[in-house]
Amino acid sequence: MKKQRPVNLDLATIRFPATAIASILHRVSGVIMFVAIAILLWLLNISLTSESGFNEVKAMIDGWFVGFVLWGILTALAYHFVGGIRHLLQDLGYFEELESGIRSAHVGFALTAVLSVLAGVWVW
């Protein structure tokens, strides 16, 4: 006999814990970095073709759109790095309990926010 369980399919009412959000964002930042490799290699290729190519890339980087993309890439890199350190510490046996895991996720969010602001200052 199949048990009847309530099923909540309204995603707007589901509240994820901080640890789940941290895990999802870690995966998303990895995908962003994977795509960023193509963008950065494309810019590198153009800049190495000639002096005019270098000047073209320099002009693109000085623009707001490419600056915003670079800021996003640096933010994803920072989050992925902080999340990776958090996972390494968990592999060593730290922050495995629920409360300390939630705290470490919040610390990771805060560190990423600081690093993101610093990246924004550096890019612009």
PDB file of N, CA and C in Angstrom:
ATOM      1  N   MET A   1       0.834  -1.177   0.000  1.00  0.00           N
ATOM      2  CA  MET A   1       0.000   0.000   0.000  1.00  0.00           C
ATOM      3  C   MET A   1       0.885   1.248   0.000  1.00  0.00           C
ATOM      4  N   LYS A   2       0.597   2.147  -0.906  1.00  0.00           N
ATOM      5  CA  LYS A   2       1.371   3.376  -1.036  1.00  0.00           C
ATOM      6  C   LYS A   2       0.890   4.401  -0.016  1.00  0.00           C
ATOM      7  N   LYS A   3       1.857   4.988   0.698  1.00  0.00           N
ATOM      8  CA  LYS A   3       1.508   5.997   1.698  1.00  0.00           C
ATOM      9  C   LYS A   3       1.191   7.314   1.009  1.00  0.00           C
ATOM     10  N   GLN A   4       0.177   7.972   1.504  1.00  0.00           N
ATOM     11  CA  GLN A   4      -0.187   9.288   0.997  1.00  0.00           C
ATOM     12  C   GLN A   4       0.532  10.333   1.834  1.00  0.00           C
ATOM     13  N   ARG A   5       1.428  11.066   1.191  1.00  0.00           N
ATOM     14  CA  ARG A   5       2.158  12.118   1.880  1.00  0.00           C
ATOM     15  C   ARG A   5       1.800  13.442   1.243  1.00  0.00           C
ATOM     16  N   PRO A   6       1.800  14.489   2.047  1.00  0.00           N
ATOM     17  CA  PRO A   6       1.561  15.803   1.447  1.00  0.00           C
ATOM     18  C   PRO A   6       2.770  16.203   0.603  1.00  0.00           C
ATOM     19  N   VAL A   7       2.500  16.737  -0.552  1.00  0.00           N
ATOM     20  CA  VAL A   7       3.555  17.163  -1.457  1.00  0.00           C
ATOM     21  C   VAL A   7       3.405  18.667  -1.673  1.00  0.00           C
ATOM     22  N   ASN A   8       4.497  19.376  -1.404  1.00  0.00           N
ATOM     23  CA  ASN A   8       4.492  20.826  -1.580  1.00  0.00           C
ATOM     24  C   ASN A   8       5.281  21.134  -2.847  1.00  0.00           C
ATOM     25  N   LEU A   9       4.595  21.520  -3.885  1.00  0.00           N
ATOM     26  CA  LEU A   9       5.249  21.844  -5.138  1.00  0.00           C
ATOM     27  C   LEU A   9       5.374  23.341  -5.368  1.00  0.00           C
ATOM     28  N   ASP A  10       4.956  24.142  -4.408  1.00  0.00           N
ATOM     29  CA  ASP A  10       5.085  25.592  -4.530  1.00  0.00           C
ATOM     30  C   ASP A  10       6.478  25.983  -4.055  1.00  0.00           C
ATOM     31  N   LEU A  11       7.396  26.175  -5.017  1.00  0.00           N
ATOM     32  CA  LEU A  11       8.791  26.442  -4.678  1.00  0.00           C
ATOM     33  C   LEU A  11       8.986  27.767  -3.946  1.00  0.00           C
ATOM     34  N   ALA A  12       8.021  28.673  -4.062  1.00  0.00           N
ATOM     35  CA  ALA A  12       8.138  29.959  -3.384  1.00  0.00           C
ATOM     36  C   ALA A  12       7.974  29.815  -1.874  1.00  0.00           C
ATOM     37  N   THR A  13       7.375  28.737  -1.422  1.00  0.00           N
ATOM     38  CA  THR A  13       7.152  28.558   0.016  1.00  0.00           C
ATOM     39  C   THR A  13       8.221  27.678   0.662  1.00  0.00           C
ATOM     40  N   ILE A  14       9.064  27.042  -0.133  1.00  0.00           N
ATOM     41  CA  ILE A  14      10.114  26.195   0.426  1.00  0.00           C
ATOM     42  C   ILE A  14      11.252  27.079   0.910  1.00  0.00           C
ATOM     43  N   ARG A  15      11.695  26.834   2.136  1.00  0.00           N
ATOM     44  CA  ARG A  15      12.788  27.618   2.712  1.00  0.00           C
ATOM     45  C   ARG A  15      13.989  26.712   2.902  1.00  0.00           C
ATOM     46  N   PHE A  16      15.042  26.968   2.118  1.00  0.00           N
ATOM     47  CA  PHE A  16      16.247  26.165   2.200  1.00  0.00           C
ATOM     48  C   PHE A  16      17.108  26.610   3.381  1.00  0.00           C
ATOM     49  N   PRO A  17      17.769  25.680   4.066  1.00  0.00           N
ATOM     50  CA  PRO A  17      18.707  26.080   5.118  1.00  0.00           C
ATOM     51  C   PRO A  17      19.977  26.688   4.503  1.00  0.00           C
ATOM     52  N   ALA A  18      20.728  27.403   5.319  1.00  0.00           N
ATOM     53  CA  ALA A  18      21.931  28.087   4.836  1.00  0.00           C
ATOM     54  C   ALA A  18      22.930  27.105   4.242  1.00  0.00           C
ATOM     55  N   THR A  19      23.015  25.905   4.803  1.00  0.00           N
ATOM     56  CA  THR A  19      23.965  24.921   4.288  1.00  0.00           C
ATOM     57  C   THR A  19      23.587  24.471   2.881  1.00  0.00           C
ATOM     58  N   ALA A  20      22.298  24.356   2.609  1.00  0.00           N
ATOM     59  CA  ALA A  20      21.859  23.964   1.266  1.00  0.00           C
ATOM     60  C   ALA A  20      22.129  25.085   0.265  1.00  0.00           C
ATOM     61  N   ILE A  21      21.877  26.320   0.677  1.00  0.00           N
ATOM     62  CA  ILE A  21      22.151  27.457  -0.199  1.00  0.00           C
ATOM     63  C   ILE A  21      23.640  27.543  -0.497  1.00  0.00           C
ATOM     64  N   ALA A  22      24.471  27.321   0.537  1.00  0.00           N
ATOM     65  CA  ALA A  22      25.924  27.357   0.346  1.00  0.00           C
ATOM     66  C   ALA A  22      26.364  26.279  -0.642  1.00  0.00           C
ATOM     67  N   SER A  23      25.791  25.101  -0.534  1.00  0.00           N
ATOM     68  CA  SER A  23      26.146  24.011  -1.436  1.00  0.00           C
ATOM     69  C   SER A  23      25.723  24.311  -2.874  1.00  0.00           C
ATOM     70  N   ILE A  24      24.508  24.805  -3.043  1.00  0.00           N
ATOM     71  CA  ILE A  24      24.017  25.135  -4.386  1.00  0.00           C
ATOM     72  C   ILE A  24      24.858  26.245  -5.013  1.00  0.00           C
ATOM     73  N   LEU A  25      25.171  27.287  -4.233  1.00  0.00           N
ATOM     74  CA  LEU A  25      25.972  28.387  -4.753  1.00  0.00           C
ATOM     75  C   LEU A  25      27.392  27.956  -5.080  1.00  0.00           C
ATOM     76  N   HIS A  26      27.915  26.977  -4.339  1.00  0.00           N
ATOM     77  CA  HIS A  26      29.250  26.466  -4.637  1.00  0.00           C
ATOM     78  C   HIS A  26      29.257  25.789  -6.007  1.00  0.00           C
ATOM     79  N   ARG A  27      28.221  25.045  -6.301  1.00  0.00           N
ATOM     80  CA  ARG A  27      28.114  24.404  -7.618  1.00  0.00           C
ATOM     81  C   ARG A  27      27.906  25.442  -8.722  1.00  0.00           C
ATOM     82  N   VAL A  28      27.069  26.438  -8.467  1.00  0.00           N
ATOM     83  CA  VAL A  28      26.816  27.483  -9.461  1.00  0.00           C
ATOM     84  C   VAL A  28      28.094  28.268  -9.743  1.00  0.00           C
ATOM     85  N   SER A  29      28.856  28.580  -8.690  1.00  0.00           N
ATOM     86  CA  SER A  29      30.103  29.329  -8.902  1.00  0.00           C
ATOM     87  C   SER A  29      31.105  28.492  -9.699  1.00  0.00           C
ATOM     88  N   GLY A  30      31.085  27.169  -9.531  1.00  0.00           N
ATOM     89  CA  GLY A  30      31.945  26.314 -10.347  1.00  0.00           C
ATOM     90  C   GLY A  30      31.568  26.360 -11.813  1.00  0.00           C
ATOM     91  N   VAL A  31      30.281  26.364 -12.106  1.00  0.00           N
ATOM     92  CA  VAL A  31      29.822  26.462 -13.500  1.00  0.00           C
ATOM     93  C   VAL A  31      30.191  27.827 -14.077  1.00  0.00           C
ATOM     94  N   ILE A  32      30.026  28.879 -13.287  1.00  0.00           N
ATOM     95  CA  ILE A  32      30.393  30.218 -13.756  1.00  0.00           C
ATOM     96  C   ILE A  32      31.874  30.272 -14.086  1.00  0.00           C
ATOM     97  N   MET A  33      32.709  29.678 -13.250  1.00  0.00           N
ATOM     98  CA  MET A  33      34.149  29.683 -13.516  1.00  0.00           C
ATOM     99  C   MET A  33      34.485  28.875 -14.759  1.00  0.00           C
ATOM    100  N   PHE A  34      33.754  27.784 -14.992  1.00  0.00           N
ATOM    101  CA  PHE A  34      33.981  26.986 -16.197  1.00  0.00           C
ATOM    102  C   PHE A  34      33.697  27.813 -17.447  1.00  0.00           C
ATOM    103  N   VAL A  35      32.599  28.551 -17.439  1.00  0.00           N
ATOM    104  CA  VAL A  35      32.258  29.417 -18.573  1.00  0.00           C
ATOM    105  C   VAL A  35      33.248  30.577 -18.664  1.00  0.00           C
ATOM    106  N   ALA A  36      33.703  31.058 -17.507  1.00  0.00           N
ATOM    107  CA  ALA A  36      34.637  32.185 -17.478  1.00  0.00           C
ATOM    108  C   ALA A  36      35.963  31.829 -18.142  1.00  0.00           C
ATOM    109  N   ILE A  37      36.350  30.569 -18.061  1.00  0.00           N
ATOM    110  CA  ILE A  37      37.598  30.156 -18.711  1.00  0.00           C
ATOM    111  C   ILE A  37      37.545  30.474 -20.201  1.00  0.00           C
ATOM    112  N   ALA A  38      36.419  30.195 -20.838  1.00  0.00           N
ATOM    113  CA  ALA A  38      36.279  30.489 -22.274  1.00  0.00           C
ATOM    114  C   ALA A  38      36.367  31.988 -22.539  1.00  0.00           C
ATOM    115  N   ILE A  39      35.712  32.783 -21.711  1.00  0.00           N
ATOM    116  CA  ILE A  39      35.739  34.239 -21.886  1.00  0.00           C
ATOM    117  C   ILE A  39      37.154  34.772 -21.718  1.00  0.00           C
ATOM    118  N   LEU A  40      37.829  34.326 -20.674  1.00  0.00           N
ATOM    119  CA  LEU A  40      39.179  34.827 -20.405  1.00  0.00           C
ATOM    120  C   LEU A  40      40.175  34.359 -21.456  1.00  0.00           C
ATOM    121  N   LEU A  41      40.020  33.127 -21.940  1.00  0.00           N
ATOM    122  CA  LEU A  41      40.901  32.651 -23.011  1.00  0.00           C
ATOM    123  C   LEU A  41      40.662  33.422 -24.306  1.00  0.00           C
ATOM    124  N   TRP A  42      39.413  33.772 -24.568  1.00  0.00           N
ATOM    125  CA  TRP A  42      39.093  34.565 -25.759  1.00  0.00           C
ATOM    126  C   TRP A  42      39.752  35.935 -25.669  1.00  0.00           C
ATOM    127  N   LEU A  43      39.645  36.581 -24.500  1.00  0.00           N
ATOM    128  CA  LEU A  43      40.292  37.886 -24.319  1.00  0.00           C
ATOM    129  C   LEU A  43      41.809  37.773 -24.420  1.00  0.00           C
ATOM    130  N   LEU A  44      42.375  36.710 -23.861  1.00  0.00           N
ATOM    131  CA  LEU A  44      43.822  36.503 -23.949  1.00  0.00           C
ATOM    132  C   LEU A  44      44.255  36.305 -25.396  1.00  0.00           C
ATOM    133  N   ASN A  45      43.493  35.527 -26.135  1.00  0.00           N
ATOM    134  CA  ASN A  45      43.816  35.281 -27.541  1.00  0.00           C
ATOM    135  C   ASN A  45      43.832  36.581 -28.342  1.00  0.00           C
ATOM    136  N   ILE A  46      42.812  37.401 -28.145  1.00  0.00           N
ATOM    137  CA  ILE A  46      42.760  38.675 -28.864  1.00  0.00           C
ATOM    138  C   ILE A  46      43.941  39.563 -28.463  1.00  0.00           C
ATOM    139  N   SER A  47      44.253  39.595 -27.179  1.00  0.00           N
ATOM    140  CA  SER A  47      45.321  40.492 -26.719  1.00  0.00           C
ATOM    141  C   SER A  47      46.696  40.056 -27.195  1.00  0.00           C
ATOM    142  N   LEU A  48      46.871  38.776 -27.498  1.00  0.00           N
ATOM    143  CA  LEU A  48      48.178  38.286 -27.930  1.00  0.00           C
ATOM    144  C   LEU A  48      48.366  38.274 -29.444  1.00  0.00           C
ATOM    145  N   THR A  49      47.320  38.592 -30.200  1.00  0.00           N
ATOM    146  CA  THR A  49      47.448  38.555 -31.662  1.00  0.00           C
ATOM    147  C   THR A  49      48.289  39.700 -32.196  1.00  0.00           C
ATOM    148  N   SER A  50      48.098  40.897 -31.648  1.00  0.00           N
ATOM    149  CA  SER A  50      48.849  42.060 -32.130  1.00  0.00           C
ATOM    150  C   SER A  50      48.734  43.176 -31.108  1.00  0.00           C
ATOM    151  N   GLU A  51      49.443  44.241 -31.390  1.00  0.00           N
ATOM    152  CA  GLU A  51      49.363  45.404 -30.502  1.00  0.00           C
ATOM    153  C   GLU A  51      47.973  46.021 -30.538  1.00  0.00           C
ATOM    154  N   SER A  52      47.365  46.040 -31.709  1.00  0.00           N
ATOM    155  CA  SER A  52      46.009  46.594 -31.815  1.00  0.00           C
ATOM    156  C   SER A  52      45.008  45.701 -31.085  1.00  0.00           C
ATOM    157  N   GLY A  53      45.232  44.373 -31.118  1.00  0.00           N
ATOM    158  CA  GLY A  53      44.377  43.460 -30.357  1.00  0.00           C
ATOM    159  C   GLY A  53      44.486  43.700 -28.868  1.00  0.00           C
ATOM    160  N   PHE A  54      45.714  43.952 -28.407  1.00  0.00           N
ATOM    161  CA  PHE A  54      45.930  44.266 -27.002  1.00  0.00           C
ATOM    162  C   PHE A  54      45.198  45.548 -26.620  1.00  0.00           C
ATOM    163  N   ASN A  55      45.320  46.562 -27.454  1.00  0.00           N
ATOM    164  CA  ASN A  55      44.633  47.828 -27.175  1.00  0.00           C
ATOM    165  C   ASN A  55      43.121  47.667 -27.205  1.00  0.00           C
ATOM    166  N   GLU A  56      42.633  46.786 -28.086  1.00  0.00           N
ATOM    167  CA  GLU A  56      41.191  46.518 -28.154  1.00  0.00           C
ATOM    168  C   GLU A  56      40.697  45.879 -26.862  1.00  0.00           C
ATOM    169  N   VAL A  57      41.454  44.887 -26.366  1.00  0.00           N
ATOM    170  CA  VAL A  57      41.070  44.232 -25.109  1.00  0.00           C
ATOM    171  C   VAL A  57      41.160  45.222 -23.952  1.00  0.00           C
ATOM    172  N   LYS A  58      42.184  46.053 -23.952  1.00  0.00           N
ATOM    173  CA  LYS A  58      42.328  47.059 -22.904  1.00  0.00           C
ATOM    174  C   LYS A  58      41.136  48.011 -22.913  1.00  0.00           C
ATOM    175  N   ALA A  59      40.693  48.415 -24.097  1.00  0.00           N
ATOM    176  CA  ALA A  59      39.520  49.291 -24.196  1.00  0.00           C
ATOM    177  C   ALA A  59      38.256  48.565 -23.723  1.00  0.00           C
ATOM    178  N   MET A  60      38.147  47.266 -24.047  1.00  0.00           N
ATOM    179  CA  MET A  60      36.980  46.496 -23.591  1.00  0.00           C
ATOM    180  C   MET A  60      36.951  46.398 -22.072  1.00  0.00           C
ATOM    181  N   ILE A  61      38.098  46.147 -21.471  1.00  0.00           N
ATOM    182  CA  ILE A  61      38.168  45.993 -20.013  1.00  0.00           C
ATOM    183  C   ILE A  61      37.830  47.311 -19.325  1.00  0.00           C
ATOM    184  N   ASP A  62      38.168  48.417 -19.959  1.00  0.00           N
ATOM    185  CA  ASP A  62      37.840  49.716 -19.380  1.00  0.00           C
ATOM    186  C   ASP A  62      36.350  50.028 -19.459  1.00  0.00           C
ATOM    187  N   GLY A  63      35.614  49.303 -20.294  1.00  0.00           N
ATOM    188  CA  GLY A  63      34.168  49.512 -20.409  1.00  0.00           C
ATOM    189  C   GLY A  63      33.434  48.931 -19.209  1.00  0.00           C
ATOM    190  N   TRP A  64      32.209  49.404 -18.980  1.00  0.00           N
ATOM    191  CA  TRP A  64      31.463  48.977 -17.799  1.00  0.00           C
ATOM    192  C   TRP A  64      30.990  47.527 -17.908  1.00  0.00           C
ATOM    193  N   PHE A  65      30.615  47.071 -19.114  1.00  0.00           N
ATOM    194  CA  PHE A  65      30.056  45.726 -19.244  1.00  0.00           C
ATOM    195  C   PHE A  65      31.103  44.658 -18.973  1.00  0.00           C
ATOM    196  N   VAL A  66      32.262  44.773 -19.612  1.00  0.00           N
ATOM    197  CA  VAL A  66      33.313  43.777 -19.404  1.00  0.00           C
ATOM    198  C   VAL A  66      33.844  43.878 -17.976  1.00  0.00           C
ATOM    199  N   GLY A  67      33.899  45.094 -17.426  1.00  0.00           N
ATOM    200  CA  GLY A  67      34.279  45.250 -16.025  1.00  0.00           C
ATOM    201  C   GLY A  67      33.314  44.529 -15.105  1.00  0.00           C
ATOM    202  N   PHE A  68      32.017  44.638 -15.415  1.00  0.00           N
ATOM    203  CA  PHE A  68      31.000  43.940 -14.619  1.00  0.00           C
ATOM    204  C   PHE A  68      31.160  42.430 -14.738  1.00  0.00           C
ATOM    205  N   VAL A  69      31.437  41.938 -15.943  1.00  0.00           N
ATOM    206  CA  VAL A  69      31.647  40.503 -16.146  1.00  0.00           C
ATOM    207  C   VAL A  69      32.877  40.035 -15.376  1.00  0.00           C
ATOM    208  N   LEU A  70      33.955  40.812 -15.433  1.00  0.00           N
ATOM    209  CA  LEU A  70      35.163  40.449 -14.682  1.00  0.00           C
ATOM    210  C   LEU A  70      34.902  40.463 -13.179  1.00  0.00           C
ATOM    211  N   TRP A  71      34.125  41.429 -12.707  1.00  0.00           N
ATOM    212  CA  TRP A  71      33.764  41.462 -11.292  1.00  0.00           C
ATOM    213  C   TRP A  71      32.959  40.212 -10.923  1.00  0.00           C
ATOM    214  N   GLY A  72      32.040  39.807 -11.783  1.00  0.00           N
ATOM    215  CA  GLY A  72      31.267  38.595 -11.528  1.00  0.00           C
ATOM    216  C   GLY A  72      32.138  37.355 -11.498  1.00  0.00           C
ATOM    217  N   ILE A  73      33.097  37.284 -12.404  1.00  0.00           N
ATOM    218  CA  ILE A  73      34.016  36.145 -12.424  1.00  0.00           C
ATOM    219  C   ILE A  73      34.845  36.115 -11.144  1.00  0.00           C
ATOM    220  N   LEU A  74      35.345  37.265 -10.728  1.00  0.00           N
ATOM    221  CA  LEU A  74      36.139  37.318  -9.496  1.00  0.00           C
ATOM    222  C   LEU A  74      35.299  36.984  -8.268  1.00  0.00           C
ATOM    223  N   THR A  75      34.048  37.401  -8.254  1.00  0.00           N
ATOM    224  CA  THR A  75      33.162  37.068  -7.143  1.00  0.00           C
ATOM    225  C   THR A  75      32.890  35.563  -7.104  1.00  0.00           C
ATOM    226  N   ALA A  76      32.651  34.963  -8.267  1.00  0.00           N
ATOM    227  CA  ALA A  76      32.440  33.514  -8.318  1.00  0.00           C
ATOM    228  C   ALA A  76      33.696  32.773  -7.871  1.00  0.00           C
ATOM    229  N   LEU A  77      34.854  33.247  -8.304  1.00  0.00           N
ATOM    230  CA  LEU A  77      36.110  32.640  -7.885  1.00  0.00           C
ATOM    231  C   LEU A  77      36.292  32.744  -6.374  1.00  0.00           C
ATOM    232  N   ALA A  78      35.994  33.913  -5.817  1.00  0.00           N
ATOM    233  CA  ALA A  78      36.124  34.099  -4.371  1.00  0.00           C
ATOM    234  C   ALA A  78      35.181  33.176  -3.614  1.00  0.00           C
ATOM    235  N   TYR A  79      33.918  33.080  -4.063  1.00  0.00           N
ATOM    236  CA  TYR A  79      32.964  32.210  -3.371  1.00  0.00           C
ATOM    237  C   TYR A  79      33.386  30.749  -3.473  1.00  0.00           C
ATOM    238  N   HIS A  80      33.831  30.344  -4.644  1.00  0.00           N
ATOM    239  CA  HIS A  80      34.238  28.958  -4.828  1.00  0.00           C
ATOM    240  C   HIS A  80      35.470  28.643  -3.971  1.00  0.00           C
ATOM    241  N   PHE A  81      36.394  29.586  -3.870  1.00  0.00           N
ATOM    242  CA  PHE A  81      37.585  29.400  -3.044  1.00  0.00           C
ATOM    243  C   PHE A  81      37.198  29.281  -1.565  1.00  0.00           C
ATOM    244  N   VAL A  82      36.368  30.202  -1.084  1.00  0.00           N
ATOM    245  CA  VAL A  82      35.938  30.168   0.317  1.00  0.00           C
ATOM    246  C   VAL A  82      35.152  28.892   0.601  1.00  0.00           C
ATOM    247  N   GLY A  83      34.261  28.514  -0.312  1.00  0.00           N
ATOM    248  CA  GLY A  83      33.500  27.276  -0.134  1.00  0.00           C
ATOM    249  C   GLY A  83      34.393  26.050  -0.172  1.00  0.00           C
ATOM    250  N   GLY A  84      35.418  26.078  -1.010  1.00  0.00           N
ATOM    251  CA  GLY A  84      36.363  24.955  -1.065  1.00  0.00           C
ATOM    252  C   GLY A  84      37.140  24.808   0.232  1.00  0.00           C
ATOM    253  N   ILE A  85      37.579  25.927   0.811  1.00  0.00           N
ATOM    254  CA  ILE A  85      38.266  25.886   2.104  1.00  0.00           C
ATOM    255  C   ILE A  85      37.320  25.345   3.175  1.00  0.00           C
ATOM    256  N   ARG A  86      36.068  25.768   3.133  1.00  0.00           N
ATOM    257  CA  ARG A  86      35.060  25.275   4.090  1.00  0.00           C
ATOM    258  C   ARG A  86      34.891  23.764   3.951  1.00  0.00           C
ATOM    259  N   HIS A  87      34.823  23.277   2.724  1.00  0.00           N
ATOM    260  CA  HIS A  87      34.687  21.833   2.507  1.00  0.00           C
ATOM    261  C   HIS A  87      35.935  21.076   2.957  1.00  0.00           C
ATOM    262  N   LEU A  88      37.107  21.649   2.727  1.00  0.00           N
ATOM    263  CA  LEU A  88      38.337  21.003   3.196  1.00  0.00           C
ATOM    264  C   LEU A  88      38.353  20.900   4.719  1.00  0.00           C
ATOM    265  N   LEU A  89      37.910  21.964   5.392  1.00  0.00           N
ATOM    266  CA  LEU A  89      37.841  21.914   6.852  1.00  0.00           C
ATOM    267  C   LEU A  89      36.826  20.871   7.320  1.00  0.00           C
ATOM    268  N   GLN A  90      35.730  20.745   6.593  1.00  0.00           N
ATOM    269  CA  GLN A  90      34.750  19.710   6.945  1.00  0.00           C
ATOM    270  C   GLN A  90      35.324  18.317   6.736  1.00  0.00           C
ATOM    271  N   ASP A  91      36.141  18.136   5.707  1.00  0.00           N
ATOM    272  CA  ASP A  91      36.796  16.854   5.487  1.00  0.00           C
ATOM    273  C   ASP A  91      37.761  16.518   6.616  1.00  0.00           C
ATOM    274  N   LEU A  92      38.298  17.542   7.274  1.00  0.00           N
ATOM    275  CA  LEU A  92      39.195  17.327   8.413  1.00  0.00           C
ATOM    276  C   LEU A  92      38.432  17.124   9.717  1.00  0.00           C
ATOM    277  N   GLY A  93      37.107  17.212   9.665  1.00  0.00           N
ATOM    278  CA  GLY A  93      36.287  16.932  10.840  1.00  0.00           C
ATOM    279  C   GLY A  93      35.741  18.156  11.548  1.00  0.00           C
ATOM    280  N   TYR A  94      35.965  19.345  11.001  1.00  0.00           N
ATOM    281  CA  TYR A  94      35.449  20.564  11.610  1.00  0.00           C
ATOM    282  C   TYR A  94      34.130  20.961  10.959  1.00  0.00           C
ATOM    283  N   PHE A  95      33.294  21.645  11.708  1.00  0.00           N
ATOM    284  CA  PHE A  95      32.023  22.206  11.212  1.00  0.00           C
ATOM    285  C   PHE A  95      31.082  21.147  10.635  1.00  0.00           C
ATOM    286  N   GLU A  96      31.116  19.947  11.206  1.00  0.00           N
ATOM    287  CA  GLU A  96      30.241  18.887  10.706  1.00  0.00           C
ATOM    288  C   GLU A  96      28.886  18.864  11.405  1.00  0.00           C
ATOM    289  N   GLU A  97      28.792  19.467  12.578  1.00  0.00           N
ATOM    290  CA  GLU A  97      27.518  19.499  13.289  1.00  0.00           C
ATOM    291  C   GLU A  97      26.610  20.542  12.651  1.00  0.00           C
ATOM    292  N   LEU A  98      25.336  20.425  12.902  1.00  0.00           N
ATOM    293  CA  LEU A  98      24.365  21.304  12.246  1.00  0.00           C
ATOM    294  C   LEU A  98      24.624  22.782  12.553  1.00  0.00           C
ATOM    295  N   GLU A  99      24.764  23.113  13.830  1.00  0.00           N
ATOM    296  CA  GLU A  99      24.942  24.528  14.198  1.00  0.00           C
ATOM    297  C   GLU A  99      26.245  25.106  13.653  1.00  0.00           C
ATOM    298  N   SER A 100      27.340  24.364  13.788  1.00  0.00           N
ATOM    299  CA  SER A 100      28.621  24.882  13.290  1.00  0.00           C
ATOM    300  C   SER A 100      28.646  24.911  11.768  1.00  0.00           C
ATOM    301  N   GLY A 101      27.931  23.989  11.123  1.00  0.00           N
ATOM    302  CA  GLY A 101      27.827  24.012   9.662  1.00  0.00           C
ATOM    303  C   GLY A 101      27.080  25.241   9.172  1.00  0.00           C
ATOM    304  N   ILE A 102      26.008  25.592   9.878  1.00  0.00           N
ATOM    305  CA  ILE A 102      25.246  26.797   9.521  1.00  0.00           C
ATOM    306  C   ILE A 102      26.102  28.038   9.749  1.00  0.00           C
ATOM    307  N   ARG A 103      26.817  28.072  10.875  1.00  0.00           N
ATOM    308  CA  ARG A 103      27.690  29.214  11.153  1.00  0.00           C
ATOM    309  C   ARG A 103      28.787  29.345  10.108  1.00  0.00           C
ATOM    310  N   SER A 104      29.384  28.215   9.714  1.00  0.00           N
ATOM    311  CA  SER A 104      30.452  28.277   8.710  1.00  0.00           C
ATOM    312  C   SER A 104      29.908  28.726   7.351  1.00  0.00           C
ATOM    313  N   ALA A 105      28.670  28.367   7.042  1.00  0.00           N
ATOM    314  CA  ALA A 105      28.052  28.843   5.793  1.00  0.00           C
ATOM    315  C   ALA A 105      27.869  30.355   5.841  1.00  0.00           C
ATOM    316  N   HIS A 106      27.407  30.875   6.984  1.00  0.00           N
ATOM    317  CA  HIS A 106      27.227  32.321   7.117  1.00  0.00           C
ATOM    318  C   HIS A 106      28.570  33.050   7.059  1.00  0.00           C
ATOM    319  N   VAL A 107      29.599  32.475   7.664  1.00  0.00           N
ATOM    320  CA  VAL A 107      30.934  33.079   7.593  1.00  0.00           C
ATOM    321  C   VAL A 107      31.413  33.093   6.144  1.00  0.00           C
ATOM    322  N   GLY A 108      31.151  32.010   5.403  1.00  0.00           N
ATOM    323  CA  GLY A 108      31.521  31.957   3.988  1.00  0.00           C
ATOM    324  C   GLY A 108      30.811  33.024   3.173  1.00  0.00           C
ATOM    325  N   PHE A 109      29.525  33.241   3.455  1.00  0.00           N
ATOM    326  CA  PHE A 109      28.784  34.295   2.758  1.00  0.00           C
ATOM    327  C   PHE A 109      29.390  35.671   3.056  1.00  0.00           C
ATOM    328  N   ALA A 110      29.715  35.907   4.337  1.00  0.00           N
ATOM    329  CA  ALA A 110      30.266  37.202   4.733  1.00  0.00           C
ATOM    330  C   ALA A 110      31.649  37.430   4.110  1.00  0.00           C
ATOM    331  N   LEU A 111      32.499  36.416   4.141  1.00  0.00           N
ATOM    332  CA  LEU A 111      33.826  36.545   3.533  1.00  0.00           C
ATOM    333  C   LEU A 111      33.717  36.816   2.041  1.00  0.00           C
ATOM    334  N   THR A 112      32.796  36.149   1.389  1.00  0.00           N
ATOM    335  CA  THR A 112      32.613  36.362  -0.038  1.00  0.00           C
ATOM    336  C   THR A 112      32.117  37.777  -0.311  1.00  0.00           C
ATOM    337  N   ALA A 113      31.246  38.294   0.533  1.00  0.00           N
ATOM    338  CA  ALA A 113      30.769  39.664   0.347  1.00  0.00           C
ATOM    339  C   ALA A 113      31.933  40.655   0.451  1.00  0.00           C
ATOM    340  N   VAL A 114      32.800  40.453   1.425  1.00  0.00           N
ATOM    341  CA  VAL A 114      33.961  41.338   1.585  1.00  0.00           C
ATOM    342  C   VAL A 114      34.875  41.225   0.370  1.00  0.00           C
ATOM    343  N   LEU A 115      35.166  39.993  -0.054  1.00  0.00           N
ATOM    344  CA  LEU A 115      36.034  39.792  -1.215  1.00  0.00           C
ATOM    345  C   LEU A 115      35.405  40.339  -2.493  1.00  0.00           C
ATOM    346  N   SER A 116      34.091  40.258  -2.598  1.00  0.00           N
ATOM    347  CA  SER A 116      33.386  40.796  -3.759  1.00  0.00           C
ATOM    348  C   SER A 116      33.510  42.323  -3.819  1.00  0.00           C
ATOM    349  N   VAL A 117      33.374  42.973  -2.676  1.00  0.00           N
ATOM    350  CA  VAL A 117      33.530  44.426  -2.627  1.00  0.00           C
ATOM    351  C   VAL A 117      34.967  44.804  -3.002  1.00  0.00           C
ATOM    352  N   LEU A 118      35.942  44.071  -2.463  1.00  0.00           N
ATOM    353  CA  LEU A 118      37.334  44.339  -2.793  1.00  0.00           C
ATOM    354  C   LEU A 118      37.597  44.132  -4.285  1.00  0.00           C
ATOM    355  N   ALA A 119      36.998  43.100  -4.870  1.00  0.00           N
ATOM    356  CA  ALA A 119      37.146  42.868  -6.308  1.00  0.00           C
ATOM    357  C   ALA A 119      36.519  44.004  -7.102  1.00  0.00           C
ATOM    358  N   GLY A 120      35.375  44.501  -6.640  1.00  0.00           N
ATOM    359  CA  GLY A 120      34.740  45.627  -7.323  1.00  0.00           C
ATOM    360  C   GLY A 120      35.593  46.882  -7.275  1.00  0.00           C
ATOM    361  N   VAL A 121      36.226  47.126  -6.140  1.00  0.00           N
ATOM    362  CA  VAL A 121      37.120  48.271  -6.025  1.00  0.00           C
ATOM    363  C   VAL A 121      38.319  48.099  -6.950  1.00  0.00           C
ATOM    364  N   TRP A 122      38.829  46.889  -7.042  1.00  0.00           N
ATOM    365  CA  TRP A 122      40.005  46.629  -7.879  1.00  0.00           C
ATOM    366  C   TRP A 122      39.671  46.745  -9.360  1.00  0.00           C
ATOM    367  N   VAL A 123      38.508  46.224  -9.777  1.00  0.00           N
ATOM    368  CA  VAL A 123      38.126  46.251 -11.192  1.00  0.00           C
ATOM    369  C   VAL A 123      37.812  47.673 -11.629  1.00  0.00           C
ATOM    370  N   TRP A 124      37.123  48.438 -10.778  1.00  0.00           N
ATOM    371  CA  TRP A 124      36.753  49.804 -11.172  1.00  0.00           C
ATOM    372  C   TRP A 124      37.635  50.732 -10.448  1.00  0.00           C
TER     373      TRP A 124
END
